[in-house]
C-alpha atoms as a PDB file:
ATOM      1  CA  MET A   1      -5.979  -9.630   8.913  1.00  0.00           C
ATOM      2  CA  LYS A   2      -3.790 -12.682   9.399  1.00  0.00           C
ATOM      3  CA  LYS A   3       0.036 -13.315   9.999  1.00  0.00           C
ATOM      4  CA  ARG A   4       1.926 -15.653   7.495  1.00  0.00           C
ATOM      5  CA  LYS A   5       5.465 -16.794   8.076  1.00  0.00           C
ATOM      6  CA  GLU A   6       7.370 -18.788   5.656  1.00  0.00           C
ATOM      7  CA  ARG A   7      11.431 -19.142   4.947  1.00  0.00           C
ATOM      8  CA  GLY A   8      11.780 -16.576   7.489  1.00  0.00           C
ATOM      9  CA  ILE A   9       9.362 -13.853   6.007  1.00  0.00           C
ATOM     10  CA  GLU A  10       6.709 -12.679   7.432  1.00  0.00           C
ATOM     11  CA  TRP A  11       3.506 -10.843   5.674  1.00  0.00           C
ATOM     12  CA  TYR A  12       0.033  -9.876   6.279  1.00  0.00           C
ATOM     13  CA  GLU A  13      -2.862 -10.761   4.296  1.00  0.00           C
ATOM     14  CA  TYR A  14      -6.474  -9.254   4.590  1.00  0.00           C
ATOM     15  CA  ASP A  15      -9.832 -11.213   5.377  1.00  0.00           C
ATOM     16  CA  ILE A  16     -11.388  -8.920   3.068  1.00  0.00           C
ATOM     17  CA  PHE A  17      -9.971 -11.314   0.273  1.00  0.00           C
ATOM     18  CA  SER A  18     -10.196 -14.227   2.197  1.00  0.00           C
ATOM     19  CA  THR A  19     -12.642 -15.776   0.025  1.00  0.00           C
ATOM     20  CA  HIS A  20     -10.873 -14.956  -3.199  1.00  0.00           C
ATOM     21  CA  LYS A  21      -8.797 -17.363  -3.975  1.00  0.00           C
ATOM     22  CA  ASN A  22      -7.463 -15.954  -7.308  1.00  0.00           C
ATOM     23  CA  LEU A  23      -5.992 -12.910  -5.779  1.00  0.00           C
ATOM     24  CA  ARG A  24      -2.851 -13.774  -3.881  1.00  0.00           C
ATOM     25  CA  HIS A  25      -1.522 -10.770  -1.861  1.00  0.00           C
ATOM     26  CA  ALA A  26       0.998  -9.593   1.358  1.00  0.00           C
ATOM     27  CA  THR A  27       1.963  -6.693   3.219  1.00  0.00           C
ATOM     28  CA  PHE A  28       5.492  -7.927   3.841  1.00  0.00           C
ATOM     29  CA  LEU A  29       6.849  -6.973   7.275  1.00  0.00           C
ATOM     30  CA  ARG A  30      10.513  -6.115   7.583  1.00  0.00           C
ATOM     31  CA  ARG A  31      12.307  -9.799   8.595  1.00  0.00           C
ATOM     32  CA  GLY A  32      13.440 -12.167   6.180  1.00  0.00           C
ATOM     33  CA  GLY A  33      15.555 -10.303   4.184  1.00  0.00           C
ATOM     34  CA  THR A  34      19.242  -9.779   3.784  1.00  0.00           C
ATOM     35  CA  SER A  35      19.549  -5.753   3.993  1.00  0.00           C
ATOM     36  CA  SER A  36      21.523  -4.971   7.627  1.00  0.00           C
ATOM     37  CA  ASP A  37      21.746  -2.079   9.693  1.00  0.00           C
ATOM     38  CA  GLU A  38      18.849   0.804   9.444  1.00  0.00           C
ATOM     39  CA  TYR A  39      17.376  -1.639   6.518  1.00  0.00           C
ATOM     40  CA  THR A  40      17.263  -4.691   8.299  1.00  0.00           C
ATOM     41  CA  SER A  41      15.964  -6.607   6.743  1.00  0.00           C
ATOM     42  CA  LEU A  42      13.557  -6.952   4.045  1.00  0.00           C
ATOM     43  CA  ASN A  43      14.109  -3.488   2.694  1.00  0.00           C
ATOM     44  CA  THR A  44      12.560  -3.531  -0.839  1.00  0.00           C
ATOM     45  CA  ALA A  45      13.547   0.108  -2.112  1.00  0.00           C
ATOM     46  CA  TYR A  46      16.584   0.563  -4.432  1.00  0.00           C
ATOM     47  CA  ASP A  47      16.682   4.395  -3.638  1.00  0.00           C
ATOM     48  CA  VAL A  48      16.966   5.123   0.068  1.00  0.00           C
ATOM     49  CA  GLY A  49      20.619   4.164   0.727  1.00  0.00           C
ATOM     50  CA  ASP A  50      20.821   0.279   1.133  1.00  0.00           C
ATOM     51  CA  ASN A  51      23.336  -1.973  -0.985  1.00  0.00           C
ATOM     52  CA  SER A  52      21.626  -2.734  -4.307  1.00  0.00           C
ATOM     53  CA  ILE A  53      22.802  -6.446  -3.941  1.00  0.00           C
ATOM     54  CA  TYR A  54      20.690  -7.035  -0.773  1.00  0.00           C
ATOM     55  CA  VAL A  55      17.609  -4.845  -2.455  1.00  0.00           C
ATOM     56  CA  THR A  56      17.615  -7.631  -5.183  1.00  0.00           C
ATOM     57  CA  GLU A  57      18.118 -10.606  -3.080  1.00  0.00           C
ATOM     58  CA  ASN A  58      15.051  -9.316  -0.777  1.00  0.00           C
ATOM     59  CA  LEU A  59      12.753  -8.990  -4.080  1.00  0.00           C
ATOM     60  CA  SER A  60      14.171 -12.199  -5.358  1.00  0.00           C
ATOM     61  CA  ARG A  61      12.582 -13.595  -2.118  1.00  0.00           C
ATOM     62  CA  ILE A  62       9.382 -12.352  -2.170  1.00  0.00           C
ATOM     63  CA  LYS A  63       8.692 -13.072  -6.145  1.00  0.00           C
ATOM     64  CA  SER A  64       9.773 -17.048  -4.795  1.00  0.00           C
ATOM     65  CA  LEU A  65       7.543 -16.725  -2.266  1.00  0.00           C
ATOM     66  CA  LEU A  66       4.625 -15.435  -4.447  1.00  0.00           C
ATOM     67  CA  ASN A  67       5.930 -17.883  -7.099  1.00  0.00           C
ATOM     68  CA  THR A  68       6.348 -15.308  -9.451  1.00  0.00           C
ATOM     69  CA  THR A  69       9.087 -13.979 -12.148  1.00  0.00           C
ATOM     70  CA  ASN A  70       7.067 -10.446 -12.671  1.00  0.00           C
ATOM     71  CA  LEU A  71       7.119  -8.071 -10.056  1.00  0.00           C
ATOM     72  CA  VAL A  72       6.075  -4.434 -11.127  1.00  0.00           C
ATOM     73  CA  TRP A  73       6.826  -0.960  -9.004  1.00  0.00           C
ATOM     74  CA  ALA A  74       7.678   2.515 -10.064  1.00  0.00           C
ATOM     75  CA  LYS A  75       9.174   5.623  -8.557  1.00  0.00           C
ATOM     76  CA  GLN A  76       6.701   7.115  -6.186  1.00  0.00           C
ATOM     77  CA  VAL A  77       5.755  10.739  -5.976  1.00  0.00           C
ATOM     78  CA  HIS A  78       3.191  11.585  -3.963  1.00  0.00           C
ATOM     79  CA  ALA A  79       0.848  12.351  -6.802  1.00  0.00           C
ATOM     80  CA  THR A  80      -2.290  10.875  -8.130  1.00  0.00           C
ATOM     81  CA  LYS A  81      -1.155   9.340 -11.396  1.00  0.00           C
ATOM     82  CA  ILE A  82      -2.382   5.831 -12.097  1.00  0.00           C
ATOM     83  CA  ILE A  83      -1.297   3.432 -14.446  1.00  0.00           C
ATOM     84  CA  PRO A  84      -2.697   0.540 -16.202  1.00  0.00           C
ATOM     85  CA  ILE A  85      -0.663  -2.301 -16.553  1.00  0.00           C
ATOM     86  CA  THR A  86      -0.833  -4.974 -19.112  1.00  0.00           C
ATOM     87  CA  SER A  87       2.580  -6.736 -19.391  1.00  0.00           C
ATOM     88  CA  PRO A  88       5.111  -6.891 -16.383  1.00  0.00           C
ATOM     89  CA  HIS A  89       8.159  -5.581 -19.131  1.00  0.00           C
ATOM     90  CA  GLU A  90       6.474  -2.198 -19.813  1.00  0.00           C
ATOM     91  CA  THR A  91       8.630   0.844 -19.135  1.00  0.00           C
ATOM     92  CA  ILE A  92       6.662   2.217 -16.071  1.00  0.00           C
ATOM     93  CA  PRO A  93       6.788   6.015 -15.408  1.00  0.00           C
ATOM     94  CA  GLU A  94       6.630   7.930 -12.259  1.00  0.00           C
ATOM     95  CA  CYS A  95       3.311   7.164 -10.505  1.00  0.00           C
ATOM     96  CA  ASP A  96       1.489   6.128  -7.338  1.00  0.00           C
ATOM     97  CA  ALA A  97      -0.954   3.603  -8.258  1.00  0.00           C
ATOM     98  CA  PHE A  98      -1.230   0.845 -10.754  1.00  0.00           C
ATOM     99  CA  MET A  99      -4.255  -1.201 -12.103  1.00  0.00           C
ATOM    100  CA  THR A 100      -4.796  -4.539 -14.311  1.00  0.00           C
ATOM    101  CA  SER A 101      -6.980  -7.207 -14.879  1.00  0.00           C
ATOM    102  CA  THR A 102      -3.875  -9.167 -16.405  1.00  0.00           C
ATOM    103  CA  PRO A 103      -3.005 -12.572 -14.574  1.00  0.00           C
ATOM    104  CA  GLY A 104      -0.131 -13.216 -13.437  1.00  0.00           C
ATOM    105  CA  VAL A 105       1.430  -9.701 -13.205  1.00  0.00           C
ATOM    106  CA  ALA A 106       2.608  -8.736  -9.586  1.00  0.00           C
ATOM    107  CA  LEU A 107       1.838  -5.273  -8.289  1.00  0.00           C
ATOM    108  CA  MET A 108       4.000  -3.640  -5.844  1.00  0.00           C
ATOM    109  CA  ILE A 109       3.859  -0.778  -3.716  1.00  0.00           C
ATOM    110  CA  LYS A 110       6.799   0.440  -1.484  1.00  0.00           C
ATOM    111  CA  HIS A 111       5.762   1.994   1.893  1.00  0.00           C
ATOM    112  CA  ALA A 112       7.126   3.031   5.170  1.00  0.00           C
ATOM    113  CA  ASP A 113       4.372   4.850   7.073  1.00  0.00           C
ATOM    114  CA  CYS A 114       2.121   5.814   4.271  1.00  0.00           C
ATOM    115  CA  GLN A 115      -0.895   3.690   3.194  1.00  0.00           C
ATOM    116  CA  ALA A 116      -0.686   0.930   0.943  1.00  0.00           C
ATOM    117  CA  ALA A 117      -4.112  -0.267  -0.454  1.00  0.00           C
ATOM    118  CA  ILE A 118      -5.491  -2.859  -2.623  1.00  0.00           C
ATOM    119  CA  PHE A 119      -8.656  -2.587  -4.659  1.00  0.00           C
ATOM    120  CA  TYR A 120     -10.101  -5.602  -5.974  1.00  0.00           C
ATOM    121  CA  ASP A 121     -13.096  -5.938  -8.072  1.00  0.00           C
ATOM    122  CA  PRO A 122     -14.256  -9.472  -8.046  1.00  0.00           C
ATOM    123  CA  ARG A 123     -16.990  -9.248 -10.702  1.00  0.00           C
ATOM    124  CA  ASN A 124     -14.345  -8.122 -13.518  1.00  0.00           C
ATOM    125  CA  LYS A 125     -11.290  -9.599 -11.891  1.00  0.00           C
ATOM    126  CA  ALA A 126      -9.548  -6.241 -11.769  1.00  0.00           C
ATOM    127  CA  TYR A 127      -7.602  -4.690  -9.126  1.00  0.00           C
ATOM    128  CA  ALA A 128      -5.126  -1.856  -8.035  1.00  0.00           C
ATOM    129  CA  VAL A 129      -2.648  -1.043  -5.556  1.00  0.00           C
ATOM    130  CA  VAL A 130      -2.037   2.399  -4.246  1.00  0.00           C
ATOM    131  CA  HIS A 131       0.172   4.134  -2.403  1.00  0.00           C
ATOM    132  CA  ALA A 132      -1.177   6.777   0.045  1.00  0.00           C
ATOM    133  CA  GLY A 133       0.816   9.373   2.015  1.00  0.00           C
ATOM    134  CA  TRP A 134      -0.652  12.454   3.330  1.00  0.00           C
ATOM    135  CA  ARG A 135      -0.206  14.349   0.349  1.00  0.00           C
ATOM    136  CA  GLY A 136      -1.909  11.468  -1.700  1.00  0.00           C
ATOM    137  CA  THR A 137      -4.533  11.557   0.713  1.00  0.00           C
ATOM    138  CA  VAL A 138      -5.226  15.372   0.585  1.00  0.00           C
ATOM    139  CA  GLN A 139      -5.142  14.637  -3.194  1.00  0.00           C
ATOM    140  CA  ASN A 140      -8.109  11.828  -2.876  1.00  0.00           C
ATOM    141  CA  ILE A 141      -5.862   9.311  -4.402  1.00  0.00           C
ATOM    142  CA  TYR A 142      -8.570   6.700  -3.671  1.00  0.00           C
ATOM    143  CA  ALA A 143     -11.119   8.381  -5.632  1.00  0.00           C
ATOM    144  CA  THR A 144      -8.961   8.912  -8.492  1.00  0.00           C
ATOM    145  CA  THR A 145      -8.518   5.150  -8.348  1.00  0.00           C
ATOM    146  CA  ILE A 146     -11.839   4.196  -8.251  1.00  0.00           C
ATOM    147  CA  ASN A 147     -12.834   6.393 -11.084  1.00  0.00           C
ATOM    148  CA  ALA A 148     -10.027   5.016 -13.166  1.00  0.00           C
ATOM    149  CA  MET A 149     -11.472   1.297 -12.563  1.00  0.00           C
ATOM    150  CA  VAL A 150     -15.151   2.702 -13.481  1.00  0.00           C
ATOM    151  CA  ASP A 151     -13.670   3.595 -16.577  1.00  0.00           C
ATOM    152  CA  SER A 152     -11.350   1.013 -17.451  1.00  0.00           C
ATOM    153  CA  TYR A 153     -12.959  -1.788 -16.211  1.00  0.00           C
ATOM    154  CA  ASP A 154     -16.859  -1.134 -16.064  1.00  0.00           C
ATOM    155  CA  THR A 155     -16.485  -1.529 -12.093  1.00  0.00           C
ATOM    156  CA  ASP A 156     -19.114  -0.870  -9.666  1.00  0.00           C
ATOM    157  CA  PRO A 157     -17.935   1.085  -6.335  1.00  0.00           C
ATOM    158  CA  GLU A 158     -20.397  -0.874  -4.583  1.00  0.00           C
ATOM    159  CA  GLU A 159     -18.710  -3.974  -5.332  1.00  0.00           C
ATOM    160  CA  LEU A 160     -15.153  -2.935  -4.657  1.00  0.00           C
ATOM    161  CA  LEU A 161     -13.278  -4.401  -1.802  1.00  0.00           C
ATOM    162  CA  VAL A 162     -10.766  -2.437  -0.232  1.00  0.00           C
ATOM    163  CA  ALA A 163      -7.577  -3.093   1.878  1.00  0.00           C
ATOM    164  CA  ILE A 164      -5.089  -0.733   3.716  1.00  0.00           C
ATOM    165  CA  SER A 165      -2.131  -1.769   4.805  1.00  0.00           C
ATOM    166  CA  PRO A 166      -0.544  -0.955   8.631  1.00  0.00           C
ATOM    167  CA  SER A 167       0.924   2.692   8.667  1.00  0.00           C
ATOM    168  CA  LEU A 168       1.319   5.923  10.599  1.00  0.00           C
ATOM    169  CA  GLY A 169      -1.499   6.024  13.308  1.00  0.00           C
ATOM    170  CA  PRO A 170      -3.350   8.585  15.007  1.00  0.00           C
ATOM    171  CA  ASP A 171      -0.920   8.841  17.914  1.00  0.00           C
ATOM    172  CA  ALA A 172       2.016   9.361  15.524  1.00  0.00           C
ATOM    173  CA  ALA A 173       0.514  11.534  12.745  1.00  0.00           C
ATOM    174  CA  CYS A 174       1.736  14.977  14.056  1.00  0.00           C
ATOM    175  CA  PHE A 175       0.712  17.866  11.846  1.00  0.00           C
ATOM    176  CA  GLU A 176       1.891  21.482  13.379  1.00  0.00           C
ATOM    177  CA  ASN A 177       1.044  23.216  10.193  1.00  0.00           C
ATOM    178  CA  TYR A 178      -2.209  21.226   9.762  1.00  0.00           C
ATOM    179  CA  ARG A 179      -4.125  24.562   8.576  1.00  0.00           C
ATOM    180  CA  GLU A 180      -1.790  25.276   5.640  1.00  0.00           C
ATOM    181  CA  GLU A 181      -1.057  21.311   4.639  1.00  0.00           C
ATOM    182  CA  LEU A 182      -4.808  19.763   5.128  1.00  0.00           C
ATOM    183  CA  PRO A 183      -8.078  20.682   4.074  1.00  0.00           C
ATOM    184  CA  GLU A 184     -10.567  21.599   6.282  1.00  0.00           C
ATOM    185  CA  VAL A 185     -12.874  18.686   5.808  1.00  0.00           C
ATOM    186  CA  PHE A 186      -9.975  16.789   7.659  1.00  0.00           C
ATOM    187  CA  TRP A 187      -9.916  19.033  10.564  1.00  0.00           C
ATOM    188  CA  PRO A 188     -12.470  16.789  12.675  1.00  0.00           C
ATOM    189  CA  TYR A 189     -10.427  14.192  12.547  1.00  0.00           C
ATOM    190  CA  GLN A 190      -8.184  15.736  14.809  1.00  0.00           C
ATOM    191  CA  GLU A 191      -8.042  13.448  17.704  1.00  0.00           C
ATOM    192  CA  LYS A 192      -5.836  15.381  19.842  1.00  0.00           C
ATOM    193  CA  PRO A 193      -4.002  18.716  19.193  1.00  0.00           C
ATOM    194  CA  LEU A 194      -1.781  18.545  15.881  1.00  0.00           C
ATOM    195  CA  TYR A 195      -2.474  14.510  15.561  1.00  0.00           C
ATOM    196  CA  PHE A 196      -4.862  13.437  12.932  1.00  0.00           C
ATOM    197  CA  ASN A 197      -6.426   9.713  12.406  1.00  0.00           C
ATOM    198  CA  PHE A 198      -5.739   9.280   8.570  1.00  0.00           C
ATOM    199  CA  TRP A 199      -7.085   5.811   8.938  1.00  0.00           C
ATOM    200  CA  GLU A 200     -10.508   7.359   9.316  1.00  0.00           C
ATOM    201  CA  ILE A 201      -9.742   9.988   6.803  1.00  0.00           C
ATOM    202  CA  SER A 202      -9.487   7.046   4.430  1.00  0.00           C
ATOM    203  CA  ARG A 203     -12.666   5.520   5.402  1.00  0.00           C
ATOM    204  CA  MET A 204     -14.452   8.813   4.794  1.00  0.00           C
ATOM    205  CA  GLN A 205     -13.038   9.173   1.501  1.00  0.00           C
ATOM    206  CA  LEU A 206     -13.753   5.544   0.455  1.00  0.00           C
ATOM    207  CA  GLU A 207     -17.303   5.762   1.508  1.00  0.00           C
ATOM    208  CA  ASN A 208     -18.113   9.283   0.032  1.00  0.00           C
ATOM    209  CA  ALA A 209     -16.991   7.605  -3.492  1.00  0.00           C
ATOM    210  CA  GLY A 210     -19.175   4.893  -3.269  1.00  0.00           C
ATOM    211  CA  ILE A 211     -17.568   2.104  -1.217  1.00  0.00           C
ATOM    212  CA  GLN A 212     -19.508  -0.049   1.115  1.00  0.00           C
ATOM    213  CA  PRO A 213     -18.434   0.249   4.751  1.00  0.00           C
ATOM    214  CA  HIS A 214     -18.341  -3.460   4.891  1.00  0.00           C
ATOM    215  CA  ASN A 215     -16.119  -3.909   1.923  1.00  0.00           C
ATOM    216  CA  ILE A 216     -13.370  -1.746   3.783  1.00  0.00           C
ATOM    217  CA  GLU A 217     -10.966  -3.570   5.932  1.00  0.00           C
ATOM    218  CA  ILE A 218      -8.263  -1.079   7.486  1.00  0.00           C
ATOM    219  CA  ALA A 219      -5.266  -2.594   9.538  1.00  0.00           C
ATOM    220  CA  GLY A 220      -5.381  -0.158  12.222  1.00  0.00           C
ATOM    221  CA  VAL A 221      -1.899  -1.042  13.165  1.00  0.00           C
ATOM    222  CA  CYS A 222       0.571   1.604  13.499  1.00  0.00           C
ATOM    223  CA  THR A 223       4.038   1.324  11.934  1.00  0.00           C
ATOM    224  CA  TYR A 224       5.608   4.147  13.712  1.00  0.00           C
ATOM    225  CA  GLY A 225       5.012   2.422  17.033  1.00  0.00           C
ATOM    226  CA  ASN A 226       6.196  -1.144  16.186  1.00  0.00           C
ATOM    227  CA  GLU A 227      10.032  -1.005  15.445  1.00  0.00           C
ATOM    228  CA  GLU A 228      10.118  -4.579  15.255  1.00  0.00           C
ATOM    229  CA  ASP A 229       7.729  -5.300  12.620  1.00  0.00           C
ATOM    230  CA  PHE A 230       7.961  -1.924  10.725  1.00  0.00           C
ATOM    231  CA  PHE A 231      10.064   0.719   8.852  1.00  0.00           C
ATOM    232  CA  SER A 232       9.103   4.065   9.866  1.00  0.00           C
ATOM    233  CA  TYR A 233      10.013   6.918   7.988  1.00  0.00           C
ATOM    234  CA  ARG A 234       8.784   9.333  10.433  1.00  0.00           C
ATOM    235  CA  ARG A 235      10.299   7.863  13.221  1.00  0.00           C
ATOM    236  CA  ASP A 236      13.970   6.637  11.683  1.00  0.00           C
ATOM    237  CA  LYS A 237      14.192   8.915   8.402  1.00  0.00           C
ATOM    238  CA  VAL A 238      16.904   6.819   7.267  1.00  0.00           C
ATOM    239  CA  THR A 239      15.380   3.385   6.603  1.00  0.00           C
ATOM    240  CA  GLY A 240      14.054   0.710   4.280  1.00  0.00           C
ATOM    241  CA  ARG A 241      10.549   0.225   2.798  1.00  0.00           C
ATOM    242  CA  HIS A 242       8.074  -2.551   2.782  1.00  0.00           C
ATOM    243  CA  ALA A 243       6.304  -4.066  -0.066  1.00  0.00           C
ATOM    244  CA  THR A 244       2.549  -4.630  -0.904  1.00  0.00           C
ATOM    245  CA  VAL A 245       1.964  -6.943  -3.821  1.00  0.00           C
ATOM    246  CA  ALA A 246      -0.877  -8.179  -5.348  1.00  0.00           C
ATOM    247  CA  MET A 247      -1.263 -10.743  -8.190  1.00  0.00           C
ATOM    248  CA  LEU A 248      -4.243 -12.163  -9.844  1.00  0.00           C
ATOM    249  CA  CYS A 249      -3.623 -15.658 -10.557  1.00  0.00           C
END
């Protein structure tokens, strides 16, 4: 993973996609936007209390940086619905993942502590972007995404490349009621009492779904502990949202 900066905006790009120049992608950090106070400064969500004028400008800056006028997102609901996208002008229902093989359509996931993942099938030139909080992980949205790509694009899971964004780390992922909230298969990933390593839970789910270990890149950076770079819902409650965006060129 490498950090980039341009026009005051900072973002990460993932090493796993470095040889695939037709996949433009970024996980944007919180600097370089126009929002203020709790939302400083590159907040990308309209529904968290920020001034919509600032959000619109922030999204415009992201589109300009990516050299696209087409940016697709949805209201995310911590479920497992995956929407295929063929046009940026579609009406998008509530969902937590998109997939496409259409060039020029930039798909965006909004997140603060949750994982944002990019799945890329280099043979069939198809990709998906996924929002996975703990509820989505419990429902195994990653396996659902892989199955959807297999059905829609004839994807071979062993060929899929996957990158997972900075997200809540094991030192901050406290679940006091884990016996009611988390399945028993997650319990071995409790690194200290009540604290769980969702990075490794996600790795386990991906490998169980057929992803090769060397085709997985997990950022391993905790959003909770770095207020300068990251929004964190668990840390601040009222806060902005990052954007993770991918687009086929």
